[in-house]
Amino acid sequence: MEGRFPPLAGQDEAYLITQLRLWRDGVRGGTEAYNLMRVAAQELEEEEIEALAAWYAALDPETGEIAGAGEAPRRRINPMRLSADH
């Protein structure tokens, strides 16, 4: 699936927040795969959007690892809240 979806690691946090809000609110379109993000984001709360954006922005785009690994995370998100049953 590499290359099919744009990389999120290292993207600007504000950009990611905006895009997640647009998908959540049903405004954002895109390729034929846009529905994946719309469904994934439709029930996200604002705190979750901010936490996800912070997480992906903190990832090194080359390695996919947290920049400054070993430091305490800025925010926490419950991955169970983002399960496939949403």
PDB file of N, CA and C in Angstrom:
ATOM      1  N   MET A   1       0.812  -1.200   0.000  1.00  0.00           N
ATOM      2  CA  MET A   1       0.000   0.000   0.000  1.00  0.00           C
ATOM      3  C   MET A   1       0.857   1.265   0.000  1.00  0.00           C
ATOM      4  N   GLU A   2       2.162   1.082   0.142  1.00  0.00           N
ATOM      5  CA  GLU A   2       3.049   2.236   0.144  1.00  0.00           C
ATOM      6  C   GLU A   2       2.882   3.003  -1.156  1.00  0.00           C
ATOM      7  N   GLY A   3       2.801   4.314  -1.045  1.00  0.00           N
ATOM      8  CA  GLY A   3       2.610   5.162  -2.206  1.00  0.00           C
ATOM      9  C   GLY A   3       1.153   5.412  -2.542  1.00  0.00           C
ATOM     10  N   ARG A   4       0.269   4.587  -2.039  1.00  0.00           N
ATOM     11  CA  ARG A   4      -1.161   4.774  -2.318  1.00  0.00           C
ATOM     12  C   ARG A   4      -1.738   5.908  -1.478  1.00  0.00           C
ATOM     13  N   PHE A   5      -1.188   6.080  -0.289  1.00  0.00           N
ATOM     14  CA  PHE A   5      -1.658   7.114   0.620  1.00  0.00           C
ATOM     15  C   PHE A   5      -0.511   8.057   0.941  1.00  0.00           C
ATOM     16  N   PRO A   6      -0.801   9.329   1.116  1.00  0.00           N
ATOM     17  CA  PRO A   6       0.289  10.264   1.444  1.00  0.00           C
ATOM     18  C   PRO A   6       0.839   9.982   2.837  1.00  0.00           C
ATOM     19  N   PRO A   7       2.140  10.167   3.018  1.00  0.00           N
ATOM     20  CA  PRO A   7       2.724   9.947   4.340  1.00  0.00           C
ATOM     21  C   PRO A   7       2.247  11.004   5.331  1.00  0.00           C
ATOM     22  N   LEU A   8       1.983  10.585   6.551  1.00  0.00           N
ATOM     23  CA  LEU A   8       1.542  11.518   7.591  1.00  0.00           C
ATOM     24  C   LEU A   8       2.677  11.912   8.525  1.00  0.00           C
ATOM     25  N   ALA A   9       3.678  11.064   8.638  1.00  0.00           N
ATOM     26  CA  ALA A   9       4.798  11.321   9.551  1.00  0.00           C
ATOM     27  C   ALA A   9       5.478  12.643   9.207  1.00  0.00           C
ATOM     28  N   GLY A  10       5.594  13.497  10.216  1.00  0.00           N
ATOM     29  CA  GLY A  10       6.287  14.761  10.051  1.00  0.00           C
ATOM     30  C   GLY A  10       5.468  15.864   9.411  1.00  0.00           C
ATOM     31  N   GLN A  11       4.216  15.601   9.087  1.00  0.00           N
ATOM     32  CA  GLN A  11       3.368  16.662   8.524  1.00  0.00           C
ATOM     33  C   GLN A  11       3.138  17.735   9.587  1.00  0.00           C
ATOM     34  N   ASP A  12       2.840  18.922   9.144  1.00  0.00           N
ATOM     35  CA  ASP A  12       2.574  20.031  10.051  1.00  0.00           C
ATOM     36  C   ASP A  12       1.329  19.737  10.896  1.00  0.00           C
ATOM     37  N   GLU A  13       1.445  19.945  12.189  1.00  0.00           N
ATOM     38  CA  GLU A  13       0.348  19.630  13.119  1.00  0.00           C
ATOM     39  C   GLU A  13      -0.931  20.397  12.781  1.00  0.00           C
ATOM     40  N   ALA A  14      -0.810  21.676  12.490  1.00  0.00           N
ATOM     41  CA  ALA A  14      -1.997  22.484  12.165  1.00  0.00           C
ATOM     42  C   ALA A  14      -2.670  21.981  10.886  1.00  0.00           C
ATOM     43  N   TYR A  15      -1.873  21.583   9.907  1.00  0.00           N
ATOM     44  CA  TYR A  15      -2.410  21.029   8.661  1.00  0.00           C
ATOM     45  C   TYR A  15      -3.203  19.757   8.950  1.00  0.00           C
ATOM     46  N   LEU A  16      -2.627  18.852   9.750  1.00  0.00           N
ATOM     47  CA  LEU A  16      -3.305  17.601  10.077  1.00  0.00           C
ATOM     48  C   LEU A  16      -4.603  17.849  10.832  1.00  0.00           C
ATOM     49  N   ILE A  17      -4.592  18.786  11.757  1.00  0.00           N
ATOM     50  CA  ILE A  17      -5.814  19.125  12.505  1.00  0.00           C
ATOM     51  C   ILE A  17      -6.897  19.596  11.538  1.00  0.00           C
ATOM     52  N   THR A  18      -6.533  20.481  10.636  1.00  0.00           N
ATOM     53  CA  THR A  18      -7.503  20.995   9.664  1.00  0.00           C
ATOM     54  C   THR A  18      -8.081  19.875   8.820  1.00  0.00           C
ATOM     55  N   GLN A  19      -7.214  18.999   8.295  1.00  0.00           N
ATOM     56  CA  GLN A  19      -7.684  17.920   7.436  1.00  0.00           C
ATOM     57  C   GLN A  19      -8.587  16.949   8.194  1.00  0.00           C
ATOM     58  N   LEU A  20      -8.217  16.589   9.412  1.00  0.00           N
ATOM     59  CA  LEU A  20      -9.064  15.683  10.200  1.00  0.00           C
ATOM     60  C   LEU A  20     -10.423  16.300  10.504  1.00  0.00           C
ATOM     61  N   ARG A  21     -10.444  17.580  10.789  1.00  0.00           N
ATOM     62  CA  ARG A  21     -11.731  18.261  11.022  1.00  0.00           C
ATOM     63  C   ARG A  21     -12.588  18.239   9.760  1.00  0.00           C
ATOM     64  N   LEU A  22     -11.977  18.492   8.608  1.00  0.00           N
ATOM     65  CA  LEU A  22     -12.723  18.486   7.349  1.00  0.00           C
ATOM     66  C   LEU A  22     -13.298  17.108   7.053  1.00  0.00           C
ATOM     67  N   TRP A  23     -12.514  16.048   7.292  1.00  0.00           N
ATOM     68  CA  TRP A  23     -13.037  14.695   7.092  1.00  0.00           C
ATOM     69  C   TRP A  23     -14.140  14.394   8.087  1.00  0.00           C
ATOM     70  N   ARG A  24     -13.917  14.745   9.340  1.00  0.00           N
ATOM     71  CA  ARG A  24     -14.918  14.488  10.375  1.00  0.00           C
ATOM     72  C   ARG A  24     -16.241  15.169  10.028  1.00  0.00           C
ATOM     73  N   ASP A  25     -16.151  16.389   9.527  1.00  0.00           N
ATOM     74  CA  ASP A  25     -17.345  17.177   9.235  1.00  0.00           C
ATOM     75  C   ASP A  25     -17.953  16.869   7.871  1.00  0.00           C
ATOM     76  N   GLY A  26     -17.355  15.922   7.135  1.00  0.00           N
ATOM     77  CA  GLY A  26     -17.894  15.521   5.840  1.00  0.00           C
ATOM     78  C   GLY A  26     -17.641  16.510   4.723  1.00  0.00           C
ATOM     79  N   VAL A  27     -16.678  17.392   4.890  1.00  0.00           N
ATOM     80  CA  VAL A  27     -16.393  18.432   3.900  1.00  0.00           C
ATOM     81  C   VAL A  27     -15.270  18.006   2.957  1.00  0.00           C
ATOM     82  N   ARG A  28     -14.310  17.269   3.459  1.00  0.00           N
ATOM     83  CA  ARG A  28     -13.113  16.905   2.694  1.00  0.00           C
ATOM     84  C   ARG A  28     -13.415  15.765   1.747  1.00  0.00           C
ATOM     85  N   GLY A  29     -13.005  15.913   0.511  1.00  0.00           N
ATOM     86  CA  GLY A  29     -13.122  14.851  -0.481  1.00  0.00           C
ATOM     87  C   GLY A  29     -11.740  14.340  -0.813  1.00  0.00           C
ATOM     88  N   GLY A  30     -11.534  13.995  -2.063  1.00  0.00           N
ATOM     89  CA  GLY A  30     -10.222  13.538  -2.488  1.00  0.00           C
ATOM     90  C   GLY A  30     -10.327  12.395  -3.471  1.00  0.00           C
ATOM     91  N   THR A  31      -9.431  11.459  -3.353  1.00  0.00           N
ATOM     92  CA  THR A  31      -9.391  10.316  -4.264  1.00  0.00           C
ATOM     93  C   THR A  31     -10.520   9.347  -3.939  1.00  0.00           C
ATOM     94  N   GLU A  32     -10.560   8.260  -4.697  1.00  0.00           N
ATOM     95  CA  GLU A  32     -11.593   7.249  -4.457  1.00  0.00           C
ATOM     96  C   GLU A  32     -11.473   6.626  -3.071  1.00  0.00           C
ATOM     97  N   ALA A  33     -10.323   6.774  -2.434  1.00  0.00           N
ATOM     98  CA  ALA A  33     -10.120   6.210  -1.101  1.00  0.00           C
ATOM     99  C   ALA A  33     -10.495   7.186   0.020  1.00  0.00           C
ATOM    100  N   TYR A  34     -11.021   8.365  -0.323  1.00  0.00           N
ATOM    101  CA  TYR A  34     -11.323   9.368   0.712  1.00  0.00           C
ATOM    102  C   TYR A  34     -12.286   8.844   1.762  1.00  0.00           C
ATOM    103  N   ASN A  35     -13.155   7.915   1.387  1.00  0.00           N
ATOM    104  CA  ASN A  35     -14.155   7.398   2.325  1.00  0.00           C
ATOM    105  C   ASN A  35     -13.504   6.720   3.523  1.00  0.00           C
ATOM    106  N   LEU A  36     -12.313   6.153   3.340  1.00  0.00           N
ATOM    107  CA  LEU A  36     -11.603   5.533   4.464  1.00  0.00           C
ATOM    108  C   LEU A  36     -11.361   6.557   5.568  1.00  0.00           C
ATOM    109  N   MET A  37     -10.894   7.729   5.194  1.00  0.00           N
ATOM    110  CA  MET A  37     -10.610   8.765   6.189  1.00  0.00           C
ATOM    111  C   MET A  37     -11.895   9.362   6.749  1.00  0.00           C
ATOM    112  N   ARG A  38     -12.895   9.516   5.904  1.00  0.00           N
ATOM    113  CA  ARG A  38     -14.160  10.068   6.391  1.00  0.00           C
ATOM    114  C   ARG A  38     -14.737   9.179   7.482  1.00  0.00           C
ATOM    115  N   VAL A  39     -14.753   7.879   7.247  1.00  0.00           N
ATOM    116  CA  VAL A  39     -15.287   6.936   8.230  1.00  0.00           C
ATOM    117  C   VAL A  39     -14.412   6.929   9.484  1.00  0.00           C
ATOM    118  N   ALA A  40     -13.089   6.942   9.293  1.00  0.00           N
ATOM    119  CA  ALA A  40     -12.179   6.913  10.443  1.00  0.00           C
ATOM    120  C   ALA A  40     -12.315   8.160  11.310  1.00  0.00           C
ATOM    121  N   ALA A  41     -12.610   9.298  10.690  1.00  0.00           N
ATOM    122  CA  ALA A  41     -12.632  10.572  11.425  1.00  0.00           C
ATOM    123  C   ALA A  41     -14.015  10.991  11.896  1.00  0.00           C
ATOM    124  N   GLN A  42     -15.056  10.368  11.432  1.00  0.00           N
ATOM    125  CA  GLN A  42     -16.409  10.885  11.657  1.00  0.00           C
ATOM    126  C   GLN A  42     -16.809  11.020  13.121  1.00  0.00           C
ATOM    127  N   GLU A  43     -16.254  10.213  13.999  1.00  0.00           N
ATOM    128  CA  GLU A  43     -16.637  10.306  15.408  1.00  0.00           C
ATOM    129  C   GLU A  43     -15.521  10.817  16.310  1.00  0.00           C
ATOM    130  N   LEU A  44     -14.468  11.344  15.701  1.00  0.00           N
ATOM    131  CA  LEU A  44     -13.371  11.873  16.509  1.00  0.00           C
ATOM    132  C   LEU A  44     -13.805  13.131  17.250  1.00  0.00           C
ATOM    133  N   GLU A  45     -13.414  13.203  18.485  1.00  0.00           N
ATOM    134  CA  GLU A  45     -13.636  14.411  19.271  1.00  0.00           C
ATOM    135  C   GLU A  45     -12.435  15.334  19.077  1.00  0.00           C
ATOM    136  N   GLU A  46     -12.609  16.586  19.402  1.00  0.00           N
ATOM    137  CA  GLU A  46     -11.553  17.576  19.184  1.00  0.00           C
ATOM    138  C   GLU A  46     -10.239  17.177  19.864  1.00  0.00           C
ATOM    139  N   GLU A  47     -10.313  16.677  21.088  1.00  0.00           N
ATOM    140  CA  GLU A  47      -9.102  16.233  21.801  1.00  0.00           C
ATOM    141  C   GLU A  47      -8.378  15.131  21.043  1.00  0.00           C
ATOM    142  N   GLU A  48      -9.128  14.226  20.463  1.00  0.00           N
ATOM    143  CA  GLU A  48      -8.539  13.122  19.717  1.00  0.00           C
ATOM    144  C   GLU A  48      -7.883  13.603  18.429  1.00  0.00           C
ATOM    145  N   ILE A  49      -8.529  14.540  17.762  1.00  0.00           N
ATOM    146  CA  ILE A  49      -7.944  15.122  16.554  1.00  0.00           C
ATOM    147  C   ILE A  49      -6.625  15.796  16.890  1.00  0.00           C
ATOM    148  N   GLU A  50      -6.605  16.563  17.947  1.00  0.00           N
ATOM    149  CA  GLU A  50      -5.379  17.252  18.344  1.00  0.00           C
ATOM    150  C   GLU A  50      -4.284  16.262  18.729  1.00  0.00           C
ATOM    151  N   ALA A  51      -4.650  15.195  19.436  1.00  0.00           N
ATOM    152  CA  ALA A  51      -3.664  14.192  19.845  1.00  0.00           C
ATOM    153  C   ALA A  51      -3.108  13.436  18.640  1.00  0.00           C
ATOM    154  N   LEU A  52      -3.971  13.061  17.705  1.00  0.00           N
ATOM    155  CA  LEU A  52      -3.507  12.378  16.505  1.00  0.00           C
ATOM    156  C   LEU A  52      -2.577  13.268  15.698  1.00  0.00           C
ATOM    157  N   ALA A  53      -2.951  14.520  15.517  1.00  0.00           N
ATOM    158  CA  ALA A  53      -2.121  15.454  14.760  1.00  0.00           C
ATOM    159  C   ALA A  53      -0.762  15.636  15.429  1.00  0.00           C
ATOM    160  N   ALA A  54      -0.759  15.764  16.746  1.00  0.00           N
ATOM    161  CA  ALA A  54       0.501  15.915  17.474  1.00  0.00           C
ATOM    162  C   ALA A  54       1.367  14.670  17.306  1.00  0.00           C
ATOM    163  N   TRP A  55       0.750  13.498  17.365  1.00  0.00           N
ATOM    164  CA  TRP A  55       1.483  12.239  17.224  1.00  0.00           C
ATOM    165  C   TRP A  55       2.155  12.160  15.852  1.00  0.00           C
ATOM    166  N   TYR A  56       1.376  12.348  14.787  1.00  0.00           N
ATOM    167  CA  TYR A  56       1.941  12.228  13.445  1.00  0.00           C
ATOM    168  C   TYR A  56       2.953  13.325  13.154  1.00  0.00           C
ATOM    169  N   ALA A  57       2.721  14.519  13.651  1.00  0.00           N
ATOM    170  CA  ALA A  57       3.676  15.615  13.454  1.00  0.00           C
ATOM    171  C   ALA A  57       5.000  15.322  14.150  1.00  0.00           C
ATOM    172  N   ALA A  58       4.962  14.585  15.253  1.00  0.00           N
ATOM    173  CA  ALA A  58       6.171  14.277  16.012  1.00  0.00           C
ATOM    174  C   ALA A  58       6.991  13.143  15.393  1.00  0.00           C
ATOM    175  N   LEU A  59       6.403  12.405  14.460  1.00  0.00           N
ATOM    176  CA  LEU A  59       7.118  11.288  13.844  1.00  0.00           C
ATOM    177  C   LEU A  59       8.137  11.793  12.829  1.00  0.00           C
ATOM    178  N   ASP A  60       9.293  11.163  12.835  1.00  0.00           N
ATOM    179  CA  ASP A  60      10.315  11.472  11.854  1.00  0.00           C
ATOM    180  C   ASP A  60       9.868  10.905  10.505  1.00  0.00           C
ATOM    181  N   PRO A  61       9.802  11.730   9.463  1.00  0.00           N
ATOM    182  CA  PRO A  61       9.306  11.242   8.178  1.00  0.00           C
ATOM    183  C   PRO A  61      10.181  10.152   7.551  1.00  0.00           C
ATOM    184  N   GLU A  62      11.442  10.118   7.908  1.00  0.00           N
ATOM    185  CA  GLU A  62      12.355   9.121   7.345  1.00  0.00           C
ATOM    186  C   GLU A  62      12.258   7.779   8.058  1.00  0.00           C
ATOM    187  N   THR A  63      12.144   7.799   9.379  1.00  0.00           N
ATOM    188  CA  THR A  63      12.184   6.556  10.154  1.00  0.00           C
ATOM    189  C   THR A  63      10.821   6.124  10.674  1.00  0.00           C
ATOM    190  N   GLY A  64       9.879   7.056  10.780  1.00  0.00           N
ATOM    191  CA  GLY A  64       8.583   6.743  11.361  1.00  0.00           C
ATOM    192  C   GLY A  64       8.618   6.660  12.871  1.00  0.00           C
ATOM    193  N   GLU A  65       9.775   6.992  13.447  1.00  0.00           N
ATOM    194  CA  GLU A  65       9.919   6.958  14.896  1.00  0.00           C
ATOM    195  C   GLU A  65       9.663   8.344  15.472  1.00  0.00           C
ATOM    196  N   ILE A  66       9.312   8.353  16.759  1.00  0.00           N
ATOM    197  CA  ILE A  66       9.075   9.617  17.445  1.00  0.00           C
ATOM    198  C   ILE A  66      10.374  10.413  17.482  1.00  0.00           C
ATOM    199  N   ALA A  67      10.304  11.649  17.045  1.00  0.00           N
ATOM    200  CA  ALA A  67      11.460  12.530  17.146  1.00  0.00           C
ATOM    201  C   ALA A  67      11.745  12.749  18.623  1.00  0.00           C
ATOM    202  N   GLY A  68      13.004  12.618  19.038  1.00  0.00           N
ATOM    203  CA  GLY A  68      13.353  12.768  20.450  1.00  0.00           C
ATOM    204  C   GLY A  68      12.836  11.613  21.274  1.00  0.00           C
ATOM    205  N   ALA A  69      12.896  10.395  20.724  1.00  0.00           N
ATOM    206  CA  ALA A  69      12.409   9.213  21.447  1.00  0.00           C
ATOM    207  C   ALA A  69      13.010   9.177  22.842  1.00  0.00           C
ATOM    208  N   GLY A  70      12.225   8.775  23.799  1.00  0.00           N
ATOM    209  CA  GLY A  70      12.654   8.739  25.188  1.00  0.00           C
ATOM    210  C   GLY A  70      12.069   9.894  25.977  1.00  0.00           C
ATOM    211  N   GLU A  71      11.619  10.923  25.275  1.00  0.00           N
ATOM    212  CA  GLU A  71      10.971  12.036  25.953  1.00  0.00           C
ATOM    213  C   GLU A  71       9.517  11.661  26.220  1.00  0.00           C
ATOM    214  N   ALA A  72       8.930  12.287  27.212  1.00  0.00           N
ATOM    215  CA  ALA A  72       7.517  12.042  27.504  1.00  0.00           C
ATOM    216  C   ALA A  72       6.667  12.569  26.357  1.00  0.00           C
ATOM    217  N   PRO A  73       5.639  11.821  25.951  1.00  0.00           N
ATOM    218  CA  PRO A  73       4.766  12.308  24.875  1.00  0.00           C
ATOM    219  C   PRO A  73       4.025  13.565  25.314  1.00  0.00           C
ATOM    220  N   ARG A  74       3.740  14.429  24.345  1.00  0.00           N
ATOM    221  CA  ARG A  74       3.038  15.673  24.660  1.00  0.00           C
ATOM    222  C   ARG A  74       1.581  15.415  25.023  1.00  0.00           C
ATOM    223  N   ARG A  75       0.975  14.470  24.338  1.00  0.00           N
ATOM    224  CA  ARG A  75      -0.424  14.146  24.593  1.00  0.00           C
ATOM    225  C   ARG A  75      -0.596  12.649  24.486  1.00  0.00           C
ATOM    226  N   ARG A  76      -1.642  12.148  25.083  1.00  0.00           N
ATOM    227  CA  ARG A  76      -1.927  10.719  24.982  1.00  0.00           C
ATOM    228  C   ARG A  76      -3.280  10.533  24.309  1.00  0.00           C
ATOM    229  N   ILE A  77      -3.393   9.435  23.589  1.00  0.00           N
ATOM    230  CA  ILE A  77      -4.660   9.084  22.970  1.00  0.00           C
ATOM    231  C   ILE A  77      -4.934   7.616  23.262  1.00  0.00           C
ATOM    232  N   ASN A  78      -6.161   7.298  23.486  1.00  0.00           N
ATOM    233  CA  ASN A  78      -6.553   5.922  23.732  1.00  0.00           C
ATOM    234  C   ASN A  78      -6.796   5.245  22.385  1.00  0.00           C
ATOM    235  N   PRO A  79      -5.910   4.331  21.967  1.00  0.00           N
ATOM    236  CA  PRO A  79      -6.079   3.702  20.649  1.00  0.00           C
ATOM    237  C   PRO A  79      -7.354   2.874  20.545  1.00  0.00           C
ATOM    238  N   MET A  80      -7.904   2.439  21.641  1.00  0.00           N
ATOM    239  CA  MET A  80      -9.154   1.686  21.608  1.00  0.00           C
ATOM    240  C   MET A  80     -10.314   2.550  21.151  1.00  0.00           C
ATOM    241  N   ARG A  81     -10.221   3.848  21.385  1.00  0.00           N
ATOM    242  CA  ARG A  81     -11.266   4.778  20.952  1.00  0.00           C
ATOM    243  C   ARG A  81     -11.332   4.856  19.438  1.00  0.00           C
ATOM    244  N   LEU A  82     -10.244   4.499  18.780  1.00  0.00           N
ATOM    245  CA  LEU A  82     -10.166   4.586  17.327  1.00  0.00           C
ATOM    246  C   LEU A  82     -10.343   3.237  16.643  1.00  0.00           C
ATOM    247  N   SER A  83     -11.021   2.333  17.321  1.00  0.00           N
ATOM    248  CA  SER A  83     -11.188   0.994  16.775  1.00  0.00           C
ATOM    249  C   SER A  83     -12.074   1.013  15.536  1.00  0.00           C
ATOM    250  N   ALA A  84     -12.079  -0.083  14.837  1.00  0.00           N
ATOM    251  CA  ALA A  84     -12.794  -0.191  13.558  1.00  0.00           C
ATOM    252  C   ALA A  84     -14.310  -0.163  13.721  1.00  0.00           C
ATOM    253  N   ASP A  85     -14.820  -0.245  14.921  1.00  0.00           N
ATOM    254  CA  ASP A  85     -16.282  -0.293  15.096  1.00  0.00           C
ATOM    255  C   ASP A  85     -16.931   1.088  15.013  1.00  0.00           C
ATOM    256  N   HIS A  86     -16.154   2.120  14.714  1.00  0.00           N
ATOM    257  CA  HIS A  86     -16.741   3.461  14.584  1.00  0.00           C
ATOM    258  C   HIS A  86     -17.267   3.654  13.215  1.00  0.00           C
TER     259      HIS A  86
END
